Amino acid sequence: MSKKYILLIIIIFVVITALFLIYKSQGLRRTYETEVLKGLKRVKAQENNILTEKDMEHLPEPVQKYLRYVGVVGREKVKSVRVVVEGEMKLDPKKGWAKIKAEQYNFFDSHPTRMFYIKAKMLGIPVLGLHSYTDDEARMLIKAAGLVTVMDSKGPEMRISDTTTLFNDMCFFAPATLIDDRIKWETVDSLTVKAMYESLGTRVSALLYFNEKGELINFVSDDRYYAPMDGSCKKARWSTPIGNYKERNGLRLPTYGEAVWLLDEGDYCYAKFDNIKEIEYNCEELK
């Protein structure tokens, strides 16, 4: 075989290998889009009703005040939300911050779904992550270059943790969904309520803290599992302080938030989101 044909075979092999790796590297994205399309199809058939004062009658006064403050009364009830945010994350308390961009779709029908797709760079290597919550499973899967698995967490602990995260999203990104009858409420005081949320057979709870203006300023729960990179897993208190409310699409919404583990050895803030680039309700198509 001549050198020319050997070179041609090598080139073809390299091209095919490169195309295959590119395809494989987009696997998380394909999974994300597949689940989002399922959710869009489900909620598209539902009616678009208006949220009224009557819908809020069963809620504690601090929650009613919050919903009036953000401006959801008189607007469509929320079936889904799409959010694009930028911020920073770190996977270990001793490591530095990595810039991230995340996009997510949440669906609030009888099949609650949360699909959270992350893009970041660590040590110059692109890192992709998919945090998924569906009927089938709750899972956090992170891959370097979309190919090499860095983290793969799933199981009953992840289901409990992600049910808490889904409820957290409802409180911050989609406050209109707090009229959901899957949430049970207890008033603690004039600025604090306890909420118990049940989804897909899993019940979690959280304390919601408000200020005098009616803004929700913190969400604290003991129903998430802290899973450091050493492979261990334990329940720990989780806090997500938020603030800097600004008008977006006719609503007053927080534009800054943190995610903090309140550990025995000290607080560990592992995420900061300071730029909500896009937020859209009752989405009709994949973007």
C-alpha atoms as a PDB file:
ATOM      1  CA  MET A   1       0.000   0.000   0.000  1.00  0.00           C
ATOM      2  CA  SER A   2       1.423   3.381  -1.011  1.00  0.00           C
ATOM      3  CA  LYS A   3       2.135   6.160   1.454  1.00  0.00           C
ATOM      4  CA  LYS A   4      -0.614   8.216  -0.191  1.00  0.00           C
ATOM      5  CA  TYR A   5      -3.314   5.681   0.678  1.00  0.00           C
ATOM      6  CA  ILE A   6      -1.954   5.174   4.191  1.00  0.00           C
ATOM      7  CA  LEU A   7      -2.093   8.937   4.757  1.00  0.00           C
ATOM      8  CA  LEU A   8      -5.646   9.052   3.361  1.00  0.00           C
ATOM      9  CA  ILE A   9      -6.737   6.255   5.719  1.00  0.00           C
ATOM     10  CA  ILE A  10      -5.170   8.069   8.684  1.00  0.00           C
ATOM     11  CA  ILE A  11      -6.924  11.321   7.746  1.00  0.00           C
ATOM     12  CA  ILE A  12     -10.289   9.564   7.377  1.00  0.00           C
ATOM     13  CA  PHE A  13      -9.789   7.808  10.730  1.00  0.00           C
ATOM     14  CA  VAL A  14      -8.909  11.095  12.461  1.00  0.00           C
ATOM     15  CA  VAL A  15     -11.938  12.866  10.952  1.00  0.00           C
ATOM     16  CA  ILE A  16     -14.326  10.060  11.925  1.00  0.00           C
ATOM     17  CA  THR A  17     -12.873   9.930  15.447  1.00  0.00           C
ATOM     18  CA  ALA A  18     -13.182  13.709  15.816  1.00  0.00           C
ATOM     19  CA  LEU A  19     -16.800  13.681  14.605  1.00  0.00           C
ATOM     20  CA  PHE A  20     -17.613  10.825  16.970  1.00  0.00           C
ATOM     21  CA  LEU A  21     -16.081  12.653  19.949  1.00  0.00           C
ATOM     22  CA  ILE A  22     -17.956  15.836  19.073  1.00  0.00           C
ATOM     23  CA  TYR A  23     -21.201  13.864  18.922  1.00  0.00           C
ATOM     24  CA  LYS A  24     -20.486  12.123  22.229  1.00  0.00           C
ATOM     25  CA  SER A  25     -19.542  15.415  23.895  1.00  0.00           C
ATOM     26  CA  GLN A  26     -23.045  16.732  23.187  1.00  0.00           C
ATOM     27  CA  GLY A  27     -24.758  13.824  24.928  1.00  0.00           C
ATOM     28  CA  LEU A  28     -25.758  15.827  27.993  1.00  0.00           C
ATOM     29  CA  ARG A  29     -27.215  18.535  25.788  1.00  0.00           C
ATOM     30  CA  ARG A  30     -29.258  15.994  23.817  1.00  0.00           C
ATOM     31  CA  THR A  31     -30.651  14.525  27.032  1.00  0.00           C
ATOM     32  CA  TYR A  32     -31.499  18.029  28.263  1.00  0.00           C
ATOM     33  CA  GLU A  33     -33.336  18.946  25.074  1.00  0.00           C
ATOM     34  CA  THR A  34     -35.225  15.633  24.916  1.00  0.00           C
ATOM     35  CA  GLU A  35     -36.646  16.076  28.417  1.00  0.00           C
ATOM     36  CA  VAL A  36     -37.458  19.754  27.813  1.00  0.00           C
ATOM     37  CA  LEU A  37     -39.400  18.891  24.667  1.00  0.00           C
ATOM     38  CA  LYS A  38     -41.415  16.318  26.634  1.00  0.00           C
ATOM     39  CA  GLY A  39     -42.281  18.970  29.228  1.00  0.00           C
ATOM     40  CA  LEU A  40     -43.215  21.552  26.597  1.00  0.00           C
ATOM     41  CA  LYS A  41     -45.552  19.071  24.930  1.00  0.00           C
ATOM     42  CA  ARG A  42     -47.251  18.239  28.249  1.00  0.00           C
ATOM     43  CA  VAL A  43     -47.943  21.774  29.443  1.00  0.00           C
ATOM     44  CA  LYS A  44     -48.894  23.138  26.030  1.00  0.00           C
ATOM     45  CA  ALA A  45     -52.269  21.384  26.306  1.00  0.00           C
ATOM     46  CA  GLN A  46     -53.108  23.055  29.638  1.00  0.00           C
ATOM     47  CA  GLU A  47     -55.298  26.143  29.909  1.00  0.00           C
ATOM     48  CA  ASN A  48     -53.798  29.549  30.630  1.00  0.00           C
ATOM     49  CA  ASN A  49     -55.819  30.778  33.619  1.00  0.00           C
ATOM     50  CA  ILE A  50     -55.373  34.051  35.496  1.00  0.00           C
ATOM     51  CA  LEU A  51     -54.118  34.097  39.092  1.00  0.00           C
ATOM     52  CA  THR A  52     -56.567  35.939  41.351  1.00  0.00           C
ATOM     53  CA  GLU A  53     -56.753  37.026  44.973  1.00  0.00           C
ATOM     54  CA  LYS A  54     -59.098  34.092  45.600  1.00  0.00           C
ATOM     55  CA  ASP A  55     -56.318  31.678  44.549  1.00  0.00           C
ATOM     56  CA  MET A  56     -54.211  33.026  47.436  1.00  0.00           C
ATOM     57  CA  GLU A  57     -56.790  32.890  50.240  1.00  0.00           C
ATOM     58  CA  HIS A  58     -55.288  29.734  51.791  1.00  0.00           C
ATOM     59  CA  LEU A  59     -51.753  31.149  51.946  1.00  0.00           C
ATOM     60  CA  PRO A  60     -50.150  32.689  55.072  1.00  0.00           C
ATOM     61  CA  GLU A  61     -50.149  36.486  55.043  1.00  0.00           C
ATOM     62  CA  PRO A  62     -46.350  36.811  54.430  1.00  0.00           C
ATOM     63  CA  VAL A  63     -46.692  34.655  51.294  1.00  0.00           C
ATOM     64  CA  GLN A  64     -49.718  36.608  50.043  1.00  0.00           C
ATOM     65  CA  LYS A  65     -47.799  39.849  50.580  1.00  0.00           C
ATOM     66  CA  TYR A  66     -44.832  38.404  48.653  1.00  0.00           C
ATOM     67  CA  LEU A  67     -47.006  37.431  45.679  1.00  0.00           C
ATOM     68  CA  ARG A  68     -48.569  40.880  45.582  1.00  0.00           C
ATOM     69  CA  TYR A  69     -45.129  42.481  45.861  1.00  0.00           C
ATOM     70  CA  VAL A  70     -43.640  40.551  42.928  1.00  0.00           C
ATOM     71  CA  GLY A  71     -46.773  41.292  40.887  1.00  0.00           C
ATOM     72  CA  VAL A  72     -48.225  37.903  39.929  1.00  0.00           C
ATOM     73  CA  VAL A  73     -51.857  38.740  40.748  1.00  0.00           C
ATOM     74  CA  GLY A  74     -53.827  39.341  37.556  1.00  0.00           C
ATOM     75  CA  ARG A  75     -51.276  37.550  35.397  1.00  0.00           C
ATOM     76  CA  GLU A  76     -51.278  34.045  33.932  1.00  0.00           C
ATOM     77  CA  LYS A  77     -50.702  31.152  36.302  1.00  0.00           C
ATOM     78  CA  VAL A  78     -47.295  29.628  35.709  1.00  0.00           C
ATOM     79  CA  LYS A  79     -46.986  26.183  34.104  1.00  0.00           C
ATOM     80  CA  SER A  80     -43.302  26.427  33.219  1.00  0.00           C
ATOM     81  CA  VAL A  81     -40.316  28.722  33.459  1.00  0.00           C
ATOM     82  CA  ARG A  82     -37.129  29.067  31.446  1.00  0.00           C
ATOM     83  CA  VAL A  83     -34.154  30.799  33.084  1.00  0.00           C
ATOM     84  CA  VAL A  84     -30.655  31.680  31.865  1.00  0.00           C
ATOM     85  CA  VAL A  85     -28.204  32.819  34.548  1.00  0.00           C
ATOM     86  CA  GLU A  86     -24.512  33.561  34.913  1.00  0.00           C
ATOM     87  CA  GLY A  87     -22.429  33.300  38.038  1.00  0.00           C
ATOM     88  CA  GLU A  88     -19.704  31.345  39.802  1.00  0.00           C
ATOM     89  CA  MET A  89     -19.454  27.896  41.363  1.00  0.00           C
ATOM     90  CA  LYS A  90     -16.868  25.812  43.148  1.00  0.00           C
ATOM     91  CA  LEU A  91     -16.967  22.072  43.757  1.00  0.00           C
ATOM     92  CA  ASP A  92     -14.764  22.146  46.838  1.00  0.00           C
ATOM     93  CA  PRO A  93     -14.439  24.666  49.714  1.00  0.00           C
ATOM     94  CA  LYS A  94     -10.670  24.762  49.216  1.00  0.00           C
ATOM     95  CA  LYS A  95     -10.771  25.414  45.471  1.00  0.00           C
ATOM     96  CA  GLY A  96     -11.289  28.600  43.518  1.00  0.00           C
ATOM     97  CA  TRP A  97     -14.344  29.874  41.724  1.00  0.00           C
ATOM     98  CA  ALA A  98     -15.218  28.960  38.151  1.00  0.00           C
ATOM     99  CA  LYS A  99     -17.392  31.160  35.951  1.00  0.00           C
ATOM    100  CA  ILE A 100     -20.524  29.367  34.803  1.00  0.00           C
ATOM    101  CA  LYS A 101     -23.489  29.878  32.540  1.00  0.00           C
ATOM    102  CA  ALA A 102     -26.592  27.841  33.244  1.00  0.00           C
ATOM    103  CA  GLU A 103     -29.915  27.449  31.528  1.00  0.00           C
ATOM    104  CA  GLN A 104     -32.898  25.576  32.844  1.00  0.00           C
ATOM    105  CA  TYR A 105     -36.510  24.680  32.249  1.00  0.00           C
ATOM    106  CA  ASN A 106     -38.883  23.823  35.080  1.00  0.00           C
ATOM    107  CA  PHE A 107     -42.332  22.313  34.580  1.00  0.00           C
ATOM    108  CA  PHE A 108     -44.931  22.441  37.358  1.00  0.00           C
ATOM    109  CA  ASP A 109     -47.615  20.052  36.140  1.00  0.00           C
ATOM    110  CA  SER A 110     -48.441  16.576  37.513  1.00  0.00           C
ATOM    111  CA  HIS A 111     -44.978  15.441  36.339  1.00  0.00           C
ATOM    112  CA  PRO A 112     -42.720  18.053  37.991  1.00  0.00           C
ATOM    113  CA  THR A 113     -39.513  18.414  36.005  1.00  0.00           C
ATOM    114  CA  ARG A 114     -36.312  20.422  36.429  1.00  0.00           C
ATOM    115  CA  MET A 115     -33.585  20.370  33.770  1.00  0.00           C
ATOM    116  CA  PHE A 116     -30.528  22.452  34.665  1.00  0.00           C
ATOM    117  CA  TYR A 117     -27.709  22.548  32.086  1.00  0.00           C
ATOM    118  CA  ILE A 118     -24.357  24.067  33.112  1.00  0.00           C
ATOM    119  CA  LYS A 119     -21.336  25.193  31.112  1.00  0.00           C
ATOM    120  CA  ALA A 120     -18.066  26.128  32.786  1.00  0.00           C
ATOM    121  CA  LYS A 121     -14.281  25.990  32.405  1.00  0.00           C
ATOM    122  CA  MET A 122     -11.915  24.488  34.945  1.00  0.00           C
ATOM    123  CA  LEU A 123      -8.157  24.571  34.408  1.00  0.00           C
ATOM    124  CA  GLY A 124      -8.888  25.636  30.848  1.00  0.00           C
ATOM    125  CA  ILE A 125     -11.005  22.539  30.157  1.00  0.00           C
ATOM    126  CA  PRO A 126     -14.694  22.935  29.262  1.00  0.00           C
ATOM    127  CA  VAL A 127     -16.935  21.247  31.809  1.00  0.00           C
ATOM    128  CA  LEU A 128     -20.574  20.410  31.114  1.00  0.00           C
ATOM    129  CA  GLY A 129     -23.145  19.398  33.685  1.00  0.00           C
ATOM    130  CA  LEU A 130     -26.756  18.248  33.700  1.00  0.00           C
ATOM    131  CA  HIS A 131     -28.818  18.381  36.875  1.00  0.00           C
ATOM    132  CA  SER A 132     -32.039  16.538  36.035  1.00  0.00           C
ATOM    133  CA  TYR A 133     -35.228  15.883  37.992  1.00  0.00           C
ATOM    134  CA  THR A 134     -37.875  13.794  36.232  1.00  0.00           C
ATOM    135  CA  ASP A 135     -40.332  10.981  36.968  1.00  0.00           C
ATOM    136  CA  ASP A 136     -37.536   8.518  36.230  1.00  0.00           C
ATOM    137  CA  GLU A 137     -34.675   9.882  38.318  1.00  0.00           C
ATOM    138  CA  ALA A 138     -32.927  12.764  40.014  1.00  0.00           C
ATOM    139  CA  ARG A 139     -29.312  13.007  38.955  1.00  0.00           C
ATOM    140  CA  MET A 140     -26.295  15.303  38.802  1.00  0.00           C
ATOM    141  CA  LEU A 141     -23.896  14.337  36.017  1.00  0.00           C
ATOM    142  CA  ILE A 142     -20.782  16.406  35.277  1.00  0.00           C
ATOM    143  CA  LYS A 143     -18.352  15.645  32.453  1.00  0.00           C
ATOM    144  CA  ALA A 144     -15.055  17.235  31.429  1.00  0.00           C
ATOM    145  CA  ALA A 145     -15.274  18.186  27.746  1.00  0.00           C
ATOM    146  CA  GLY A 146     -18.634  16.445  27.815  1.00  0.00           C
ATOM    147  CA  LEU A 147     -16.788  13.099  27.695  1.00  0.00           C
ATOM    148  CA  VAL A 148     -15.047  12.199  30.968  1.00  0.00           C
ATOM    149  CA  THR A 149     -17.290  11.788  34.022  1.00  0.00           C
ATOM    150  CA  VAL A 150     -16.244  13.979  36.958  1.00  0.00           C
ATOM    151  CA  MET A 151     -19.342  13.460  39.117  1.00  0.00           C
ATOM    152  CA  ASP A 152     -22.371  11.204  38.870  1.00  0.00           C
ATOM    153  CA  SER A 153     -24.775  11.463  41.808  1.00  0.00           C
ATOM    154  CA  LYS A 154     -28.181   9.782  41.878  1.00  0.00           C
ATOM    155  CA  GLY A 155     -30.372   7.696  44.138  1.00  0.00           C
ATOM    156  CA  PRO A 156     -32.876   8.410  46.955  1.00  0.00           C
ATOM    157  CA  GLU A 157     -30.680  11.091  48.542  1.00  0.00           C
ATOM    158  CA  MET A 158     -30.528  12.969  45.256  1.00  0.00           C
ATOM    159  CA  ARG A 159     -34.320  12.684  44.873  1.00  0.00           C
ATOM    160  CA  ILE A 160     -34.826  14.317  48.275  1.00  0.00           C
ATOM    161  CA  SER A 161     -32.218  17.007  47.592  1.00  0.00           C
ATOM    162  CA  ASP A 162     -33.608  17.855  44.182  1.00  0.00           C
ATOM    163  CA  THR A 163     -37.185  18.011  45.419  1.00  0.00           C
ATOM    164  CA  THR A 164     -35.922  20.718  47.784  1.00  0.00           C
ATOM    165  CA  THR A 165     -34.141  22.469  44.910  1.00  0.00           C
ATOM    166  CA  LEU A 166     -37.266  22.333  42.736  1.00  0.00           C
ATOM    167  CA  PHE A 167     -39.296  23.949  45.510  1.00  0.00           C
ATOM    168  CA  ASN A 168     -36.549  26.548  45.942  1.00  0.00           C
ATOM    169  CA  ASP A 169     -36.870  27.443  42.257  1.00  0.00           C
ATOM    170  CA  MET A 170     -40.632  27.804  42.668  1.00  0.00           C
ATOM    171  CA  CYS A 171     -40.123  30.294  45.490  1.00  0.00           C
ATOM    172  CA  PHE A 172     -37.557  32.441  43.667  1.00  0.00           C
ATOM    173  CA  PHE A 173     -38.048  32.106  39.908  1.00  0.00           C
ATOM    174  CA  ALA A 174     -41.751  31.237  39.730  1.00  0.00           C
ATOM    175  CA  PRO A 175     -43.514  32.645  42.814  1.00  0.00           C
ATOM    176  CA  ALA A 176     -46.923  32.313  41.129  1.00  0.00           C
ATOM    177  CA  THR A 177     -46.597  28.534  41.634  1.00  0.00           C
ATOM    178  CA  LEU A 178     -46.779  28.932  45.434  1.00  0.00           C
ATOM    179  CA  ILE A 179     -50.569  28.589  45.203  1.00  0.00           C
ATOM    180  CA  ASP A 180     -49.943  24.884  44.388  1.00  0.00           C
ATOM    181  CA  ASP A 181     -51.970  22.587  46.662  1.00  0.00           C
ATOM    182  CA  ARG A 182     -48.952  20.267  46.974  1.00  0.00           C
ATOM    183  CA  ILE A 183     -47.556  22.873  49.388  1.00  0.00           C
ATOM    184  CA  LYS A 184     -48.729  22.923  53.018  1.00  0.00           C
ATOM    185  CA  TRP A 185     -48.076  26.023  55.105  1.00  0.00           C
ATOM    186  CA  GLU A 186     -47.505  26.974  58.736  1.00  0.00           C
ATOM    187  CA  THR A 187     -47.083  30.550  59.963  1.00  0.00           C
ATOM    188  CA  VAL A 188     -44.082  30.986  62.286  1.00  0.00           C
ATOM    189  CA  ASP A 189     -44.296  34.761  62.756  1.00  0.00           C
ATOM    190  CA  SER A 190     -45.114  37.876  60.726  1.00  0.00           C
ATOM    191  CA  LEU A 191     -41.990  37.475  58.559  1.00  0.00           C
ATOM    192  CA  THR A 192     -41.420  33.709  58.596  1.00  0.00           C
ATOM    193  CA  VAL A 193     -43.349  30.680  57.338  1.00  0.00           C
ATOM    194  CA  LYS A 194     -42.692  26.977  57.185  1.00  0.00           C
ATOM    195  CA  ALA A 195     -43.566  25.205  53.938  1.00  0.00           C
ATOM    196  CA  MET A 196     -43.883  21.482  53.255  1.00  0.00           C
ATOM    197  CA  TYR A 197     -43.794  20.493  49.593  1.00  0.00           C
ATOM    198  CA  GLU A 198     -44.542  17.042  48.183  1.00  0.00           C
ATOM    199  CA  SER A 199     -43.521  15.884  44.711  1.00  0.00           C
ATOM    200  CA  LEU A 200     -43.437  12.388  43.215  1.00  0.00           C
ATOM    201  CA  GLY A 201     -43.897  10.802  46.632  1.00  0.00           C
ATOM    202  CA  THR A 202     -41.145  12.827  48.337  1.00  0.00           C
ATOM    203  CA  ARG A 203     -41.905  15.446  50.987  1.00  0.00           C
ATOM    204  CA  VAL A 204     -39.488  18.185  52.001  1.00  0.00           C
ATOM    205  CA  SER A 205     -39.744  21.308  54.118  1.00  0.00           C
ATOM    206  CA  ALA A 206     -38.147  24.719  54.384  1.00  0.00           C
ATOM    207  CA  LEU A 207     -38.337  27.967  56.317  1.00  0.00           C
ATOM    208  CA  LEU A 208     -39.021  31.040  54.191  1.00  0.00           C
ATOM    209  CA  TYR A 209     -37.883  34.416  55.507  1.00  0.00           C
ATOM    210  CA  PHE A 210     -39.346  37.739  54.303  1.00  0.00           C
ATOM    211  CA  ASN A 211     -38.578  41.395  54.993  1.00  0.00           C
ATOM    212  CA  GLU A 212     -41.029  44.177  55.799  1.00  0.00           C
ATOM    213  CA  LYS A 213     -41.371  45.151  52.127  1.00  0.00           C
ATOM    214  CA  GLY A 214     -42.647  41.695  51.267  1.00  0.00           C
ATOM    215  CA  GLU A 215     -39.472  40.421  49.619  1.00  0.00           C
ATOM    216  CA  LEU A 216     -38.442  36.820  50.150  1.00  0.00           C
ATOM    217  CA  ILE A 217     -34.856  37.060  51.420  1.00  0.00           C
ATOM    218  CA  ASN A 218     -33.888  33.517  52.397  1.00  0.00           C
ATOM    219  CA  PHE A 219     -34.887  29.869  52.103  1.00  0.00           C
ATOM    220  CA  VAL A 220     -33.423  27.415  54.621  1.00  0.00           C
ATOM    221  CA  SER A 221     -33.909  23.660  54.565  1.00  0.00           C
ATOM    222  CA  ASP A 222     -32.515  20.608  56.316  1.00  0.00           C
ATOM    223  CA  ASP A 223     -33.665  18.303  53.509  1.00  0.00           C
ATOM    224  CA  ARG A 224     -30.664  18.355  51.202  1.00  0.00           C
ATOM    225  CA  TYR A 225     -27.655  16.058  51.178  1.00  0.00           C
ATOM    226  CA  TYR A 226     -24.152  17.479  51.106  1.00  0.00           C
ATOM    227  CA  ALA A 227     -21.960  15.286  48.881  1.00  0.00           C
ATOM    228  CA  PRO A 228     -18.313  16.455  48.791  1.00  0.00           C
ATOM    229  CA  MET A 229     -15.864  15.150  46.218  1.00  0.00           C
ATOM    230  CA  ASP A 230     -14.584  12.454  48.620  1.00  0.00           C
ATOM    231  CA  GLY A 231     -17.712  10.404  47.906  1.00  0.00           C
ATOM    232  CA  SER A 232     -19.372  10.823  51.315  1.00  0.00           C
ATOM    233  CA  CYS A 233     -22.946  12.005  51.727  1.00  0.00           C
ATOM    234  CA  LYS A 234     -24.790  13.532  54.687  1.00  0.00           C
ATOM    235  CA  LYS A 235     -27.770  15.750  55.364  1.00  0.00           C
ATOM    236  CA  ALA A 236     -26.831  19.346  56.050  1.00  0.00           C
ATOM    237  CA  ARG A 237     -28.574  22.683  56.411  1.00  0.00           C
ATOM    238  CA  TRP A 238     -28.860  24.533  53.088  1.00  0.00           C
ATOM    239  CA  SER A 239     -29.455  28.248  52.731  1.00  0.00           C
ATOM    240  CA  THR A 240     -30.108  30.389  49.644  1.00  0.00           C
ATOM    241  CA  PRO A 241     -30.103  34.103  50.527  1.00  0.00           C
ATOM    242  CA  ILE A 242     -31.343  36.351  47.723  1.00  0.00           C
ATOM    243  CA  GLY A 243     -31.839  40.051  47.081  1.00  0.00           C
ATOM    244  CA  ASN A 244     -31.464  43.038  44.777  1.00  0.00           C
ATOM    245  CA  TYR A 245     -35.019  42.825  43.437  1.00  0.00           C
ATOM    246  CA  LYS A 246     -35.567  44.432  40.048  1.00  0.00           C
ATOM    247  CA  GLU A 247     -38.361  44.469  37.510  1.00  0.00           C
ATOM    248  CA  ARG A 248     -38.179  41.771  34.841  1.00  0.00           C
ATOM    249  CA  ASN A 249     -41.026  41.172  32.386  1.00  0.00           C
ATOM    250  CA  GLY A 250     -43.406  43.099  34.599  1.00  0.00           C
ATOM    251  CA  LEU A 251     -42.471  41.258  37.799  1.00  0.00           C
ATOM    252  CA  ARG A 252     -40.176  42.204  40.694  1.00  0.00           C
ATOM    253  CA  LEU A 253     -37.676  39.368  40.979  1.00  0.00           C
ATOM    254  CA  PRO A 254     -34.369  38.841  42.790  1.00  0.00           C
ATOM    255  CA  THR A 255     -31.291  39.327  40.628  1.00  0.00           C
ATOM    256  CA  TYR A 256     -28.698  38.037  43.082  1.00  0.00           C
ATOM    257  CA  GLY A 257     -28.560  34.786  44.991  1.00  0.00           C
ATOM    258  CA  GLU A 258     -26.198  32.411  46.750  1.00  0.00           C
ATOM    259  CA  ALA A 259     -26.255  28.734  47.688  1.00  0.00           C
ATOM    260  CA  VAL A 260     -24.602  27.990  51.038  1.00  0.00           C
ATOM    261  CA  TRP A 261     -24.007  24.828  53.051  1.00  0.00           C
ATOM    262  CA  LEU A 262     -24.177  25.560  56.786  1.00  0.00           C
ATOM    263  CA  LEU A 263     -21.733  22.881  57.949  1.00  0.00           C
ATOM    264  CA  ASP A 264     -20.376  22.082  61.404  1.00  0.00           C
ATOM    265  CA  GLU A 265     -16.919  23.063  60.181  1.00  0.00           C
ATOM    266  CA  GLY A 266     -18.162  26.391  58.827  1.00  0.00           C
ATOM    267  CA  ASP A 267     -20.294  27.907  56.086  1.00  0.00           C
ATOM    268  CA  TYR A 268     -19.467  26.872  52.525  1.00  0.00           C
ATOM    269  CA  CYS A 269     -20.862  29.123  49.795  1.00  0.00           C
ATOM    270  CA  TYR A 270     -20.555  27.102  46.601  1.00  0.00           C
ATOM    271  CA  ALA A 271     -22.617  29.132  44.142  1.00  0.00           C
ATOM    272  CA  LYS A 272     -23.237  32.786  43.385  1.00  0.00           C
ATOM    273  CA  PHE A 273     -25.645  33.941  40.701  1.00  0.00           C
ATOM    274  CA  ASP A 274     -25.511  37.637  39.906  1.00  0.00           C
ATOM    275  CA  ASN A 275     -26.900  37.924  36.387  1.00  0.00           C
ATOM    276  CA  ILE A 276     -30.312  36.633  35.367  1.00  0.00           C
ATOM    277  CA  LYS A 277     -29.954  37.073  31.631  1.00  0.00           C
ATOM    278  CA  GLU A 278     -33.340  35.686  30.605  1.00  0.00           C
ATOM    279  CA  ILE A 279     -36.531  34.559  32.301  1.00  0.00           C
ATOM    280  CA  GLU A 280     -39.647  33.422  30.476  1.00  0.00           C
ATOM    281  CA  TYR A 281     -42.895  31.881  31.676  1.00  0.00           C
ATOM    282  CA  ASN A 282     -45.249  29.383  30.031  1.00  0.00           C
ATOM    283  CA  CYS A 283     -42.708  28.650  27.328  1.00  0.00           C
ATOM    284  CA  GLU A 284     -43.983  27.214  24.049  1.00  0.00           C
ATOM    285  CA  GLU A 285     -40.765  26.103  22.369  1.00  0.00           C
ATOM    286  CA  LEU A 286     -37.215  24.996  22.995  1.00  0.00           C
ATOM    287  CA  LYS A 287     -34.670  27.800  22.829  1.00  0.00           C
END
